[in-house]
């Protein structure tokens, strides 16, 4: 497959969204490599509170959400300074619209903690540039999510349950609508239940879907031409 390279002076900001184990990190890496974008990883592996959080969610949910908020805001600041197009692994708005609300609903965050979290989010979000393209990876089958979580083998994620993922999926059912209507974001939804983007025809199909999603802006304003490189994969 020939590479598609973003050549416009207009920088593009693509963000991946989806439940734990949906394949965001894999998809973000594939997009970044194929389209020549800078990749911003989700701040999980080096998160100083994640292990404590999975051990005691009620004690650490607010702290973890604040840590994610600060780290993602830092990423947005770096993205604003980048000259190249960028891909972000997980959107900033998933934390307030899904995780904070869900953890509060489960009793892991108090009313005051949720209010304080949203106070900080609103203050930061006031000046933040949101992505102009969001790719939502979703599946109603939590067995798929659990299998992928097990395959990547993060020790701190071993305690994630089907019920926890199912609850998050409930919020993700309406996430695309929230992203479009509340944040005015352009969202591509892809069901990943039976898809593996890592190689073969599924990788090709996925990249074609992403290219079409990005390329459709050209029909309106021709701001983001995608130049074909002759080098094949």
C-alpha atoms as a PDB file:
ATOM      1  CA  UNK A   1       0.000   0.000   0.000  1.00  0.00           C
ATOM      2  CA  UNK A   2       1.338   3.449  -0.856  1.00  0.00           C
ATOM      3  CA  UNK A   3       1.887   5.848   1.978  1.00  0.00           C
ATOM      4  CA  UNK A   4      -0.357   8.892   2.383  1.00  0.00           C
ATOM      5  CA  UNK A   5       1.559  11.907   3.608  1.00  0.00           C
ATOM      6  CA  UNK A   6      -0.041  15.073   4.967  1.00  0.00           C
ATOM      7  CA  UNK A   7       1.596  17.903   3.036  1.00  0.00           C
ATOM      8  CA  UNK A   8      -0.640  20.903   3.729  1.00  0.00           C
ATOM      9  CA  UNK A   9       0.685  23.777   5.883  1.00  0.00           C
ATOM     10  CA  UNK A  10      -2.559  23.343   7.839  1.00  0.00           C
ATOM     11  CA  UNK A  11      -1.778  21.089  10.785  1.00  0.00           C
ATOM     12  CA  UNK A  12      -4.183  18.256  11.474  1.00  0.00           C
ATOM     13  CA  UNK A  13      -5.036  16.998  14.969  1.00  0.00           C
ATOM     14  CA  UNK A  14      -6.482  13.467  15.115  1.00  0.00           C
ATOM     15  CA  UNK A  15      -7.489  11.821  18.399  1.00  0.00           C
ATOM     16  CA  UNK A  16      -8.432   8.224  19.167  1.00  0.00           C
ATOM     17  CA  UNK A  17     -11.287   7.453  21.557  1.00  0.00           C
ATOM     18  CA  UNK A  18     -12.637   4.209  22.971  1.00  0.00           C
ATOM     19  CA  UNK A  19     -13.030   1.908  25.948  1.00  0.00           C
ATOM     20  CA  UNK A  20     -10.086   0.237  27.675  1.00  0.00           C
ATOM     21  CA  UNK A  21      -8.789  -2.459  25.337  1.00  0.00           C
ATOM     22  CA  UNK A  22     -10.510  -1.135  22.200  1.00  0.00           C
ATOM     23  CA  UNK A  23      -7.192  -0.828  20.356  1.00  0.00           C
ATOM     24  CA  UNK A  24      -6.577   2.928  20.509  1.00  0.00           C
ATOM     25  CA  UNK A  25      -2.829   2.708  21.033  1.00  0.00           C
ATOM     26  CA  UNK A  26      -2.381   0.272  18.152  1.00  0.00           C
ATOM     27  CA  UNK A  27      -4.542   2.390  15.846  1.00  0.00           C
ATOM     28  CA  UNK A  28      -2.767   5.599  16.848  1.00  0.00           C
ATOM     29  CA  UNK A  29       0.644   4.070  16.063  1.00  0.00           C
ATOM     30  CA  UNK A  30      -0.552   2.826  12.673  1.00  0.00           C
ATOM     31  CA  UNK A  31      -1.993   6.233  11.766  1.00  0.00           C
ATOM     32  CA  UNK A  32       1.094   8.108  12.947  1.00  0.00           C
ATOM     33  CA  UNK A  33       3.453   5.889  10.954  1.00  0.00           C
ATOM     34  CA  UNK A  34       1.344   5.802   7.814  1.00  0.00           C
ATOM     35  CA  UNK A  35       0.457   9.489   7.628  1.00  0.00           C
ATOM     36  CA  UNK A  36       3.712  10.853   9.060  1.00  0.00           C
ATOM     37  CA  UNK A  37       2.164  12.373  12.204  1.00  0.00           C
ATOM     38  CA  UNK A  38       3.656  13.028  15.611  1.00  0.00           C
ATOM     39  CA  UNK A  39       2.269  10.514  18.115  1.00  0.00           C
ATOM     40  CA  UNK A  40       1.193  11.454  21.628  1.00  0.00           C
ATOM     41  CA  UNK A  41       0.806   8.326  23.748  1.00  0.00           C
ATOM     42  CA  UNK A  42      -1.806   7.995  26.467  1.00  0.00           C
ATOM     43  CA  UNK A  43      -0.059   8.775  29.790  1.00  0.00           C
ATOM     44  CA  UNK A  44      -0.706   5.326  31.276  1.00  0.00           C
ATOM     45  CA  UNK A  45       2.494   3.304  31.424  1.00  0.00           C
ATOM     46  CA  UNK A  46       4.358   5.905  33.485  1.00  0.00           C
ATOM     47  CA  UNK A  47       1.330   7.086  35.487  1.00  0.00           C
ATOM     48  CA  UNK A  48       2.341   7.325  39.124  1.00  0.00           C
ATOM     49  CA  UNK A  49      -1.166   6.643  40.493  1.00  0.00           C
ATOM     50  CA  UNK A  50      -2.542   3.925  38.205  1.00  0.00           C
ATOM     51  CA  UNK A  51      -1.485   0.910  40.275  1.00  0.00           C
ATOM     52  CA  UNK A  52      -2.884   2.476  43.464  1.00  0.00           C
ATOM     53  CA  UNK A  53      -6.091   3.376  41.606  1.00  0.00           C
ATOM     54  CA  UNK A  54      -6.838  -0.187  40.542  1.00  0.00           C
ATOM     55  CA  UNK A  55      -6.102  -1.326  44.095  1.00  0.00           C
ATOM     56  CA  UNK A  56      -8.474   1.188  45.730  1.00  0.00           C
ATOM     57  CA  UNK A  57     -10.627   3.164  43.306  1.00  0.00           C
ATOM     58  CA  UNK A  58     -12.515   5.066  45.998  1.00  0.00           C
ATOM     59  CA  UNK A  59      -9.285   6.431  47.469  1.00  0.00           C
ATOM     60  CA  UNK A  60      -7.538   7.242  44.189  1.00  0.00           C
ATOM     61  CA  UNK A  61     -10.179   8.032  41.521  1.00  0.00           C
ATOM     62  CA  UNK A  62     -10.101  11.809  41.983  1.00  0.00           C
ATOM     63  CA  UNK A  63      -6.305  11.872  42.148  1.00  0.00           C
ATOM     64  CA  UNK A  64      -5.979   9.758  39.011  1.00  0.00           C
ATOM     65  CA  UNK A  65      -8.474  11.869  37.071  1.00  0.00           C
ATOM     66  CA  UNK A  66      -6.606  15.038  38.011  1.00  0.00           C
ATOM     67  CA  UNK A  67      -3.333  13.446  36.920  1.00  0.00           C
ATOM     68  CA  UNK A  68      -4.807  12.486  33.542  1.00  0.00           C
ATOM     69  CA  UNK A  69      -6.305  15.945  33.113  1.00  0.00           C
ATOM     70  CA  UNK A  70      -2.991  17.685  33.739  1.00  0.00           C
ATOM     71  CA  UNK A  71      -1.034  15.331  31.496  1.00  0.00           C
ATOM     72  CA  UNK A  72      -3.512  15.616  28.626  1.00  0.00           C
ATOM     73  CA  UNK A  73      -3.560  19.404  28.933  1.00  0.00           C
ATOM     74  CA  UNK A  74       0.242  19.297  28.654  1.00  0.00           C
ATOM     75  CA  UNK A  75      -0.120  17.223  25.488  1.00  0.00           C
ATOM     76  CA  UNK A  76      -2.522  19.759  24.009  1.00  0.00           C
ATOM     77  CA  UNK A  77      -0.023  22.522  24.707  1.00  0.00           C
ATOM     78  CA  UNK A  78       2.738  20.535  22.981  1.00  0.00           C
ATOM     79  CA  UNK A  79       0.448  19.775  20.038  1.00  0.00           C
ATOM     80  CA  UNK A  80      -0.310  23.474  19.623  1.00  0.00           C
ATOM     81  CA  UNK A  81       3.417  24.136  19.310  1.00  0.00           C
ATOM     82  CA  UNK A  82       4.033  21.343  16.808  1.00  0.00           C
ATOM     83  CA  UNK A  83       4.461  22.158  13.133  1.00  0.00           C
ATOM     84  CA  UNK A  84       3.488  18.654  12.050  1.00  0.00           C
ATOM     85  CA  UNK A  85       0.095  16.987  12.188  1.00  0.00           C
ATOM     86  CA  UNK A  86      -0.486  15.014  15.390  1.00  0.00           C
ATOM     87  CA  UNK A  87      -2.257  11.891  16.633  1.00  0.00           C
ATOM     88  CA  UNK A  88      -3.385  11.644  20.263  1.00  0.00           C
ATOM     89  CA  UNK A  89      -4.079   8.342  22.028  1.00  0.00           C
ATOM     90  CA  UNK A  90      -7.369   9.059  23.889  1.00  0.00           C
ATOM     91  CA  UNK A  91      -9.195  12.377  23.836  1.00  0.00           C
ATOM     92  CA  UNK A  92      -9.195  14.907  26.630  1.00  0.00           C
ATOM     93  CA  UNK A  93     -13.002  14.966  26.793  1.00  0.00           C
ATOM     94  CA  UNK A  94     -13.343  11.245  27.567  1.00  0.00           C
ATOM     95  CA  UNK A  95     -12.179  11.894  31.118  1.00  0.00           C
ATOM     96  CA  UNK A  96     -14.945  14.363  32.080  1.00  0.00           C
ATOM     97  CA  UNK A  97     -17.680  12.931  29.870  1.00  0.00           C
ATOM     98  CA  UNK A  98     -17.078   9.248  30.640  1.00  0.00           C
ATOM     99  CA  UNK A  99     -14.580   8.302  33.335  1.00  0.00           C
ATOM    100  CA  UNK A 100     -15.210  11.030  35.926  1.00  0.00           C
ATOM    101  CA  UNK A 101     -18.991  10.702  35.627  1.00  0.00           C
ATOM    102  CA  UNK A 102     -18.828   6.905  35.734  1.00  0.00           C
ATOM    103  CA  UNK A 103     -16.522   6.776  38.759  1.00  0.00           C
ATOM    104  CA  UNK A 104     -18.755   9.282  40.529  1.00  0.00           C
ATOM    105  CA  UNK A 105     -21.796   7.154  39.709  1.00  0.00           C
ATOM    106  CA  UNK A 106     -20.069   4.116  41.220  1.00  0.00           C
ATOM    107  CA  UNK A 107     -19.397   6.047  44.416  1.00  0.00           C
ATOM    108  CA  UNK A 108     -15.649   6.329  43.871  1.00  0.00           C
ATOM    109  CA  UNK A 109     -15.751  10.147  43.674  1.00  0.00           C
ATOM    110  CA  UNK A 110     -17.767  12.392  45.973  1.00  0.00           C
ATOM    111  CA  UNK A 111     -20.032  15.169  44.711  1.00  0.00           C
ATOM    112  CA  UNK A 112     -17.485  17.761  45.809  1.00  0.00           C
ATOM    113  CA  UNK A 113     -14.629  15.931  44.091  1.00  0.00           C
ATOM    114  CA  UNK A 114     -16.592  15.729  40.840  1.00  0.00           C
ATOM    115  CA  UNK A 115     -17.468  19.429  41.061  1.00  0.00           C
ATOM    116  CA  UNK A 116     -13.842  20.344  41.709  1.00  0.00           C
ATOM    117  CA  UNK A 117     -12.673  18.183  38.832  1.00  0.00           C
ATOM    118  CA  UNK A 118     -15.098  19.919  36.464  1.00  0.00           C
ATOM    119  CA  UNK A 119     -13.996  23.331  37.765  1.00  0.00           C
ATOM    120  CA  UNK A 120     -10.439  22.500  36.679  1.00  0.00           C
ATOM    121  CA  UNK A 121     -11.560  20.959  33.392  1.00  0.00           C
ATOM    122  CA  UNK A 122     -13.660  24.001  32.440  1.00  0.00           C
ATOM    123  CA  UNK A 123     -10.793  26.351  33.300  1.00  0.00           C
ATOM    124  CA  UNK A 124      -8.315  24.407  31.158  1.00  0.00           C
ATOM    125  CA  UNK A 125     -10.729  23.595  28.340  1.00  0.00           C
ATOM    126  CA  UNK A 126     -11.571  27.258  27.824  1.00  0.00           C
ATOM    127  CA  UNK A 127      -8.316  27.847  25.948  1.00  0.00           C
ATOM    128  CA  UNK A 128      -7.591  24.358  24.590  1.00  0.00           C
ATOM    129  CA  UNK A 129      -7.721  23.491  20.927  1.00  0.00           C
ATOM    130  CA  UNK A 130      -9.767  20.333  20.489  1.00  0.00           C
ATOM    131  CA  UNK A 131      -8.906  17.775  17.779  1.00  0.00           C
ATOM    132  CA  UNK A 132     -10.549  18.398  14.440  1.00  0.00           C
ATOM    133  CA  UNK A 133     -10.912  14.644  13.842  1.00  0.00           C
ATOM    134  CA  UNK A 134     -11.896  11.995  16.398  1.00  0.00           C
ATOM    135  CA  UNK A 135     -11.875   8.259  15.622  1.00  0.00           C
ATOM    136  CA  UNK A 136     -14.049   6.283  18.041  1.00  0.00           C
ATOM    137  CA  UNK A 137     -13.256   2.557  18.305  1.00  0.00           C
ATOM    138  CA  UNK A 138     -16.056   0.631  19.959  1.00  0.00           C
ATOM    139  CA  UNK A 139     -17.449  -2.867  20.545  1.00  0.00           C
ATOM    140  CA  UNK A 140     -20.462  -4.028  22.549  1.00  0.00           C
ATOM    141  CA  UNK A 141     -18.619  -7.288  23.335  1.00  0.00           C
ATOM    142  CA  UNK A 142     -16.645  -6.848  26.556  1.00  0.00           C
ATOM    143  CA  UNK A 143     -15.013 -10.246  25.962  1.00  0.00           C
ATOM    144  CA  UNK A 144     -13.105  -8.639  23.091  1.00  0.00           C
ATOM    145  CA  UNK A 145     -11.917  -5.863  25.404  1.00  0.00           C
ATOM    146  CA  UNK A 146     -10.863  -8.277  28.147  1.00  0.00           C
ATOM    147  CA  UNK A 147      -8.966 -10.440  25.664  1.00  0.00           C
ATOM    148  CA  UNK A 148      -7.007  -7.461  24.356  1.00  0.00           C
ATOM    149  CA  UNK A 149      -6.312  -6.186  27.865  1.00  0.00           C
ATOM    150  CA  UNK A 150      -4.929  -9.622  28.786  1.00  0.00           C
ATOM    151  CA  UNK A 151      -2.800  -9.763  25.626  1.00  0.00           C
ATOM    152  CA  UNK A 152      -0.990  -6.509  26.399  1.00  0.00           C
ATOM    153  CA  UNK A 153      -0.285  -7.765  29.912  1.00  0.00           C
ATOM    154  CA  UNK A 154      -0.250  -4.626  32.041  1.00  0.00           C
ATOM    155  CA  UNK A 155       0.006  -5.835  35.625  1.00  0.00           C
ATOM    156  CA  UNK A 156      -2.107  -2.993  37.022  1.00  0.00           C
ATOM    157  CA  UNK A 157      -5.000  -3.839  34.666  1.00  0.00           C
ATOM    158  CA  UNK A 158      -5.403  -7.474  35.750  1.00  0.00           C
ATOM    159  CA  UNK A 159      -8.286  -6.605  38.053  1.00  0.00           C
ATOM    160  CA  UNK A 160     -10.477  -4.975  35.394  1.00  0.00           C
ATOM    161  CA  UNK A 161     -13.822  -6.779  35.282  1.00  0.00           C
ATOM    162  CA  UNK A 162     -16.502  -7.358  32.681  1.00  0.00           C
ATOM    163  CA  UNK A 163     -18.953  -5.298  34.741  1.00  0.00           C
ATOM    164  CA  UNK A 164     -16.561  -2.340  34.858  1.00  0.00           C
ATOM    165  CA  UNK A 165     -16.050  -2.395  31.094  1.00  0.00           C
ATOM    166  CA  UNK A 166     -19.769  -2.851  30.469  1.00  0.00           C
ATOM    167  CA  UNK A 167     -20.486   0.239  32.550  1.00  0.00           C
ATOM    168  CA  UNK A 168     -17.975   2.287  30.564  1.00  0.00           C
ATOM    169  CA  UNK A 169     -19.525   0.996  27.344  1.00  0.00           C
ATOM    170  CA  UNK A 170     -22.824   2.507  28.455  1.00  0.00           C
ATOM    171  CA  UNK A 171     -21.215   5.955  28.392  1.00  0.00           C
ATOM    172  CA  UNK A 172     -19.426   5.254  25.113  1.00  0.00           C
ATOM    173  CA  UNK A 173     -22.797   4.503  23.480  1.00  0.00           C
ATOM    174  CA  UNK A 174     -23.533   8.242  23.522  1.00  0.00           C
ATOM    175  CA  UNK A 175     -19.973   9.575  23.292  1.00  0.00           C
ATOM    176  CA  UNK A 176     -20.046  10.296  19.542  1.00  0.00           C
ATOM    177  CA  UNK A 177     -23.245  12.292  19.958  1.00  0.00           C
ATOM    178  CA  UNK A 178     -21.779  14.245  22.889  1.00  0.00           C
ATOM    179  CA  UNK A 179     -18.554  14.934  20.993  1.00  0.00           C
ATOM    180  CA  UNK A 180     -20.443  16.219  17.963  1.00  0.00           C
ATOM    181  CA  UNK A 181     -23.116  18.280  19.674  1.00  0.00           C
ATOM    182  CA  UNK A 182     -21.377  19.563  22.807  1.00  0.00           C
ATOM    183  CA  UNK A 183     -17.828  19.965  21.472  1.00  0.00           C
ATOM    184  CA  UNK A 184     -18.510  20.330  17.728  1.00  0.00           C
ATOM    185  CA  UNK A 185     -16.076  17.541  16.837  1.00  0.00           C
ATOM    186  CA  UNK A 186     -16.034  15.458  13.667  1.00  0.00           C
ATOM    187  CA  UNK A 187     -16.276  11.784  14.670  1.00  0.00           C
ATOM    188  CA  UNK A 188     -15.678   8.562  12.744  1.00  0.00           C
ATOM    189  CA  UNK A 189     -17.149   5.481  14.471  1.00  0.00           C
ATOM    190  CA  UNK A 190     -15.584   2.058  13.813  1.00  0.00           C
ATOM    191  CA  UNK A 191     -16.850  -1.215  15.291  1.00  0.00           C
ATOM    192  CA  UNK A 192     -13.750  -3.228  16.233  1.00  0.00           C
ATOM    193  CA  UNK A 193     -15.512  -6.367  17.469  1.00  0.00           C
ATOM    194  CA  UNK A 194     -14.070  -8.578  14.745  1.00  0.00           C
ATOM    195  CA  UNK A 195     -11.298  -6.387  13.382  1.00  0.00           C
ATOM    196  CA  UNK A 196      -7.526  -6.467  13.902  1.00  0.00           C
ATOM    197  CA  UNK A 197      -5.759  -3.472  12.347  1.00  0.00           C
ATOM    198  CA  UNK A 198      -2.218  -4.739  12.877  1.00  0.00           C
ATOM    199  CA  UNK A 199      -1.699  -6.321   9.478  1.00  0.00           C
ATOM    200  CA  UNK A 200      -3.192  -7.539   6.245  1.00  0.00           C
ATOM    201  CA  UNK A 201      -6.449  -6.475   4.673  1.00  0.00           C
ATOM    202  CA  UNK A 202      -7.903  -5.094   7.897  1.00  0.00           C
ATOM    203  CA  UNK A 203      -4.954  -2.701   8.262  1.00  0.00           C
ATOM    204  CA  UNK A 204      -5.428  -1.602   4.645  1.00  0.00           C
ATOM    205  CA  UNK A 205      -9.169  -1.183   5.103  1.00  0.00           C
ATOM    206  CA  UNK A 206      -8.673   0.811   8.314  1.00  0.00           C
ATOM    207  CA  UNK A 207      -6.189   3.185   6.689  1.00  0.00           C
ATOM    208  CA  UNK A 208      -8.531   3.696   3.750  1.00  0.00           C
ATOM    209  CA  UNK A 209     -11.343   4.587   6.168  1.00  0.00           C
ATOM    210  CA  UNK A 210      -9.105   7.058   7.978  1.00  0.00           C
ATOM    211  CA  UNK A 211      -7.890   8.591   4.715  1.00  0.00           C
ATOM    212  CA  UNK A 212     -11.454   9.068   3.518  1.00  0.00           C
ATOM    213  CA  UNK A 213     -12.438  10.578   6.874  1.00  0.00           C
ATOM    214  CA  UNK A 214      -9.586  13.086   6.690  1.00  0.00           C
ATOM    215  CA  UNK A 215      -9.888  13.659   2.972  1.00  0.00           C
ATOM    216  CA  UNK A 216     -13.562  14.621   3.018  1.00  0.00           C
ATOM    217  CA  UNK A 217     -12.602  18.080   4.278  1.00  0.00           C
ATOM    218  CA  UNK A 218     -11.139  18.685   0.843  1.00  0.00           C
ATOM    219  CA  UNK A 219     -14.568  18.579  -0.686  1.00  0.00           C
ATOM    220  CA  UNK A 220     -15.445  21.630   1.393  1.00  0.00           C
ATOM    221  CA  UNK A 221     -12.308  23.755   1.558  1.00  0.00           C
ATOM    222  CA  UNK A 222      -9.287  21.826   0.207  1.00  0.00           C
ATOM    223  CA  UNK A 223      -7.285  22.627   3.344  1.00  0.00           C
ATOM    224  CA  UNK A 224      -5.682  19.222   3.813  1.00  0.00           C
ATOM    225  CA  UNK A 225      -4.394  17.655   0.604  1.00  0.00           C
ATOM    226  CA  UNK A 226      -3.076  14.129   1.011  1.00  0.00           C
ATOM    227  CA  UNK A 227      -0.134  13.450  -1.293  1.00  0.00           C
ATOM    228  CA  UNK A 228       0.553   9.918  -2.446  1.00  0.00           C
ATOM    229  CA  UNK A 229       4.083   8.719  -1.867  1.00  0.00           C
ATOM    230  CA  UNK A 230       5.356   6.131  -4.326  1.00  0.00           C
ATOM    231  CA  UNK A 231       6.978   4.005  -1.610  1.00  0.00           C
ATOM    232  CA  UNK A 232       4.936   0.886  -0.851  1.00  0.00           C
ATOM    233  CA  UNK A 233       4.571  -0.761   2.534  1.00  0.00           C
END
